PDB file of N, CA and C in Angstrom:
ATOM      1  N   UNK A   1       0.842  -1.205   0.000  1.00  0.00           N
ATOM      2  CA  UNK A   1       0.000   0.000   0.000  1.00  0.00           C
ATOM      3  C   UNK A   1       0.880   1.259   0.000  1.00  0.00           C
ATOM      4  N   UNK A   2       1.893   1.218   0.863  1.00  0.00           N
ATOM      5  CA  UNK A   2       2.804   2.354   0.927  1.00  0.00           C
ATOM      6  C   UNK A   2       3.478   2.581  -0.432  1.00  0.00           C
ATOM      7  N   UNK A   3       3.664   1.483  -1.169  1.00  0.00           N
ATOM      8  CA  UNK A   3       4.442   1.566  -2.401  1.00  0.00           C
ATOM      9  C   UNK A   3       3.637   2.237  -3.529  1.00  0.00           C
ATOM     10  N   UNK A   4       2.352   1.888  -3.682  1.00  0.00           N
ATOM     11  CA  UNK A   4       1.621   2.435  -4.825  1.00  0.00           C
ATOM     12  C   UNK A   4       0.833   3.704  -4.492  1.00  0.00           C
ATOM     13  N   UNK A   5       1.014   4.252  -3.305  1.00  0.00           N
ATOM     14  CA  UNK A   5       0.311   5.498  -2.990  1.00  0.00           C
ATOM     15  C   UNK A   5       0.833   6.677  -3.809  1.00  0.00           C
ATOM     16  N   UNK A   6       2.158   6.863  -3.927  1.00  0.00           N
ATOM     17  CA  UNK A   6       2.662   8.018  -4.677  1.00  0.00           C
ATOM     18  C   UNK A   6       2.191   8.031  -6.134  1.00  0.00           C
ATOM     19  N   UNK A   7       2.248   6.882  -6.813  1.00  0.00           N
ATOM     20  CA  UNK A   7       1.847   6.848  -8.220  1.00  0.00           C
ATOM     21  C   UNK A   7       0.354   7.154  -8.329  1.00  0.00           C
ATOM     22  N   UNK A   8      -0.435   6.613  -7.403  1.00  0.00           N
ATOM     23  CA  UNK A   8      -1.881   6.851  -7.433  1.00  0.00           C
ATOM     24  C   UNK A   8      -2.154   8.344  -7.253  1.00  0.00           C
ATOM     25  N   UNK A   9      -1.529   8.946  -6.247  1.00  0.00           N
ATOM     26  CA  UNK A   9      -1.724  10.375  -6.005  1.00  0.00           C
ATOM     27  C   UNK A   9      -1.300  11.185  -7.217  1.00  0.00           C
ATOM     28  N   UNK A  10      -0.198  10.773  -7.835  1.00  0.00           N
ATOM     29  CA  UNK A  10       0.321  11.509  -8.991  1.00  0.00           C
ATOM     30  C   UNK A  10      -0.681  11.470 -10.139  1.00  0.00           C
ATOM     31  N   UNK A  11      -1.190  10.287 -10.426  1.00  0.00           N
ATOM     32  CA  UNK A  11      -2.122  10.165 -11.558  1.00  0.00           C
ATOM     33  C   UNK A  11      -3.395  10.960 -11.282  1.00  0.00           C
ATOM     34  N   UNK A  12      -3.869  10.925 -10.040  1.00  0.00           N
ATOM     35  CA  UNK A  12      -5.077  11.686  -9.688  1.00  0.00           C
ATOM     36  C   UNK A  12      -4.806  13.180  -9.861  1.00  0.00           C
ATOM     37  N   UNK A  13      -3.629  13.611  -9.413  1.00  0.00           N
ATOM     38  CA  UNK A  13      -3.282  15.026  -9.536  1.00  0.00           C
ATOM     39  C   UNK A  13      -3.212  15.446 -10.987  1.00  0.00           C
ATOM     40  N   UNK A  14      -2.626  14.580 -11.817  1.00  0.00           N
ATOM     41  CA  UNK A  14      -2.479  14.918 -13.237  1.00  0.00           C
ATOM     42  C   UNK A  14      -3.838  15.009 -13.906  1.00  0.00           C
ATOM     43  N   UNK A  15      -4.708  14.033 -13.642  1.00  0.00           N
ATOM     44  CA  UNK A  15      -6.032  14.049 -14.275  1.00  0.00           C
ATOM     45  C   UNK A  15      -6.820  15.267 -13.798  1.00  0.00           C
ATOM     46  N   UNK A  16      -6.684  15.599 -12.513  1.00  0.00           N
ATOM     47  CA  UNK A  16      -7.389  16.761 -11.975  1.00  0.00           C
ATOM     48  C   UNK A  16      -6.888  18.034 -12.647  1.00  0.00           C
ATOM     49  N   UNK A  17      -5.559  18.112 -12.813  1.00  0.00           N
ATOM     50  CA  UNK A  17      -4.965  19.283 -13.451  1.00  0.00           C
ATOM     51  C   UNK A  17      -5.460  19.414 -14.888  1.00  0.00           C
ATOM     52  N   UNK A  18      -5.503  18.283 -15.601  1.00  0.00           N
ATOM     53  CA  UNK A  18      -5.965  18.298 -16.995  1.00  0.00           C
ATOM     54  C   UNK A  18      -7.420  18.753 -17.054  1.00  0.00           C
ATOM     55  N   UNK A  19      -8.231  18.241 -16.135  1.00  0.00           N
ATOM     56  CA  UNK A  19      -9.645  18.616 -16.100  1.00  0.00           C
ATOM     57  C   UNK A  19      -9.784  20.115 -15.875  1.00  0.00           C
ATOM     58  N   UNK A  20      -9.024  20.620 -14.910  1.00  0.00           N
ATOM     59  CA  UNK A  20      -9.124  22.035 -14.578  1.00  0.00           C
ATOM     60  C   UNK A  20      -8.693  22.891 -15.769  1.00  0.00           C
ATOM     61  N   UNK A  21      -7.634  22.441 -16.447  1.00  0.00           N
ATOM     62  CA  UNK A  21      -7.142  23.203 -17.582  1.00  0.00           C
ATOM     63  C   UNK A  21      -8.167  23.202 -18.717  1.00  0.00           C
ATOM     64  N   UNK A  22      -8.796  22.036 -18.914  1.00  0.00           N
ATOM     65  CA  UNK A  22      -9.816  21.935 -19.965  1.00  0.00           C
ATOM     66  C   UNK A  22     -10.967  22.883 -19.663  1.00  0.00           C
ATOM     67  N   UNK A  23     -11.374  22.927 -18.391  1.00  0.00           N
ATOM     68  CA  UNK A  23     -12.473  23.800 -17.996  1.00  0.00           C
ATOM     69  C   UNK A  23     -12.106  25.259 -18.251  1.00  0.00           C
ATOM     70  N   UNK A  24     -10.868  25.619 -17.875  1.00  0.00           N
ATOM     71  CA  UNK A  24     -10.410  26.991 -18.069  1.00  0.00           C
ATOM     72  C   UNK A  24     -10.422  27.353 -19.545  1.00  0.00           C
ATOM     73  N   UNK A  25      -9.907  26.441 -20.378  1.00  0.00           N
ATOM     74  CA  UNK A  25      -9.869  26.728 -21.820  1.00  0.00           C
ATOM     75  C   UNK A  25     -11.285  26.821 -22.374  1.00  0.00           C
ATOM     76  N   UNK A  26     -12.183  25.982 -21.892  1.00  0.00           N
ATOM     77  CA  UNK A  26     -13.570  26.029 -22.342  1.00  0.00           C
ATOM     78  C   UNK A  26     -14.205  27.369 -22.013  1.00  0.00           C
ATOM     79  N   UNK A  27     -13.978  27.840 -20.792  1.00  0.00           N
ATOM     80  CA  UNK A  27     -14.520  29.132 -20.380  1.00  0.00           C
ATOM     81  C   UNK A  27     -13.966  30.241 -21.260  1.00  0.00           C
ATOM     82  N   UNK A  28     -12.658  30.184 -21.489  1.00  0.00           N
ATOM     83  CA  UNK A  28     -11.991  31.217 -22.272  1.00  0.00           C
ATOM     84  C   UNK A  28     -12.524  31.215 -23.707  1.00  0.00           C
ATOM     85  N   UNK A  29     -12.711  30.003 -24.224  1.00  0.00           N
ATOM     86  CA  UNK A  29     -13.191  29.877 -25.609  1.00  0.00           C
ATOM     87  C   UNK A  29     -14.608  30.442 -25.730  1.00  0.00           C
ATOM     88  N   UNK A  30     -15.451  30.128 -24.741  1.00  0.00           N
ATOM     89  CA  UNK A  30     -16.827  30.628 -24.766  1.00  0.00           C
ATOM     90  C   UNK A  30     -16.843  32.149 -24.696  1.00  0.00           C
ATOM     91  N   UNK A  31     -16.007  32.699 -23.819  1.00  0.00           N
ATOM     92  CA  UNK A  31     -15.934  34.157 -23.706  1.00  0.00           C
ATOM     93  C   UNK A  31     -15.539  34.774 -25.037  1.00  0.00           C
ATOM     94  N   UNK A  32     -14.522  34.177 -25.656  1.00  0.00           N
ATOM     95  CA  UNK A  32     -14.037  34.700 -26.924  1.00  0.00           C
ATOM     96  C   UNK A  32     -15.126  34.606 -27.982  1.00  0.00           C
ATOM     97  N   UNK A  33     -15.838  33.487 -27.992  1.00  0.00           N
ATOM     98  CA  UNK A  33     -16.857  33.250 -29.010  1.00  0.00           C
ATOM     99  C   UNK A  33     -18.036  34.217 -28.808  1.00  0.00           C
ATOM    100  N   UNK A  34     -18.452  34.385 -27.551  1.00  0.00           N
ATOM    101  CA  UNK A  34     -19.640  35.191 -27.276  1.00  0.00           C
ATOM    102  C   UNK A  34     -19.383  36.679 -27.504  1.00  0.00           C
ATOM    103  N   UNK A  35     -18.202  37.144 -27.101  1.00  0.00           N
ATOM    104  CA  UNK A  35     -17.970  38.582 -27.114  1.00  0.00           C
ATOM    105  C   UNK A  35     -17.024  39.011 -28.229  1.00  0.00           C
ATOM    106  N   UNK A  36     -16.529  38.022 -28.994  1.00  0.00           N
ATOM    107  CA  UNK A  36     -15.651  38.310 -30.135  1.00  0.00           C
ATOM    108  C   UNK A  36     -14.456  39.159 -29.734  1.00  0.00           C
ATOM    109  N   UNK A  37     -13.867  38.817 -28.600  1.00  0.00           N
ATOM    110  CA  UNK A  37     -12.644  39.480 -28.166  1.00  0.00           C
ATOM    111  C   UNK A  37     -11.449  38.640 -28.565  1.00  0.00           C
ATOM    112  N   UNK A  38     -10.289  39.261 -28.805  1.00  0.00           N
ATOM    113  CA  UNK A  38      -9.069  38.473 -28.999  1.00  0.00           C
ATOM    114  C   UNK A  38      -8.711  37.766 -27.703  1.00  0.00           C
ATOM    115  N   UNK A  39      -8.159  36.575 -27.810  1.00  0.00           N
ATOM    116  CA  UNK A  39      -7.832  35.804 -26.617  1.00  0.00           C
ATOM    117  C   UNK A  39      -6.688  36.455 -25.869  1.00  0.00           C
ATOM    118  N   UNK A  40      -6.884  36.672 -24.582  1.00  0.00           N
ATOM    119  CA  UNK A  40      -5.814  37.236 -23.752  1.00  0.00           C
ATOM    120  C   UNK A  40      -5.465  36.234 -22.677  1.00  0.00           C
ATOM    121  N   UNK A  41      -4.173  35.985 -22.517  1.00  0.00           N
ATOM    122  CA  UNK A  41      -3.729  35.010 -21.501  1.00  0.00           C
ATOM    123  C   UNK A  41      -3.468  35.720 -20.191  1.00  0.00           C
TER     124      UNK A  41
END
């Protein structure tokens, strides 16, 4: 159990990060589409 905890935590963190990034990009894309603004980072 001690051995596979780090890899499990890592994969969960990575998937969570990817999800969050996807959500952020989706929001940004919708804003750009709705208001026709140039994308600003």
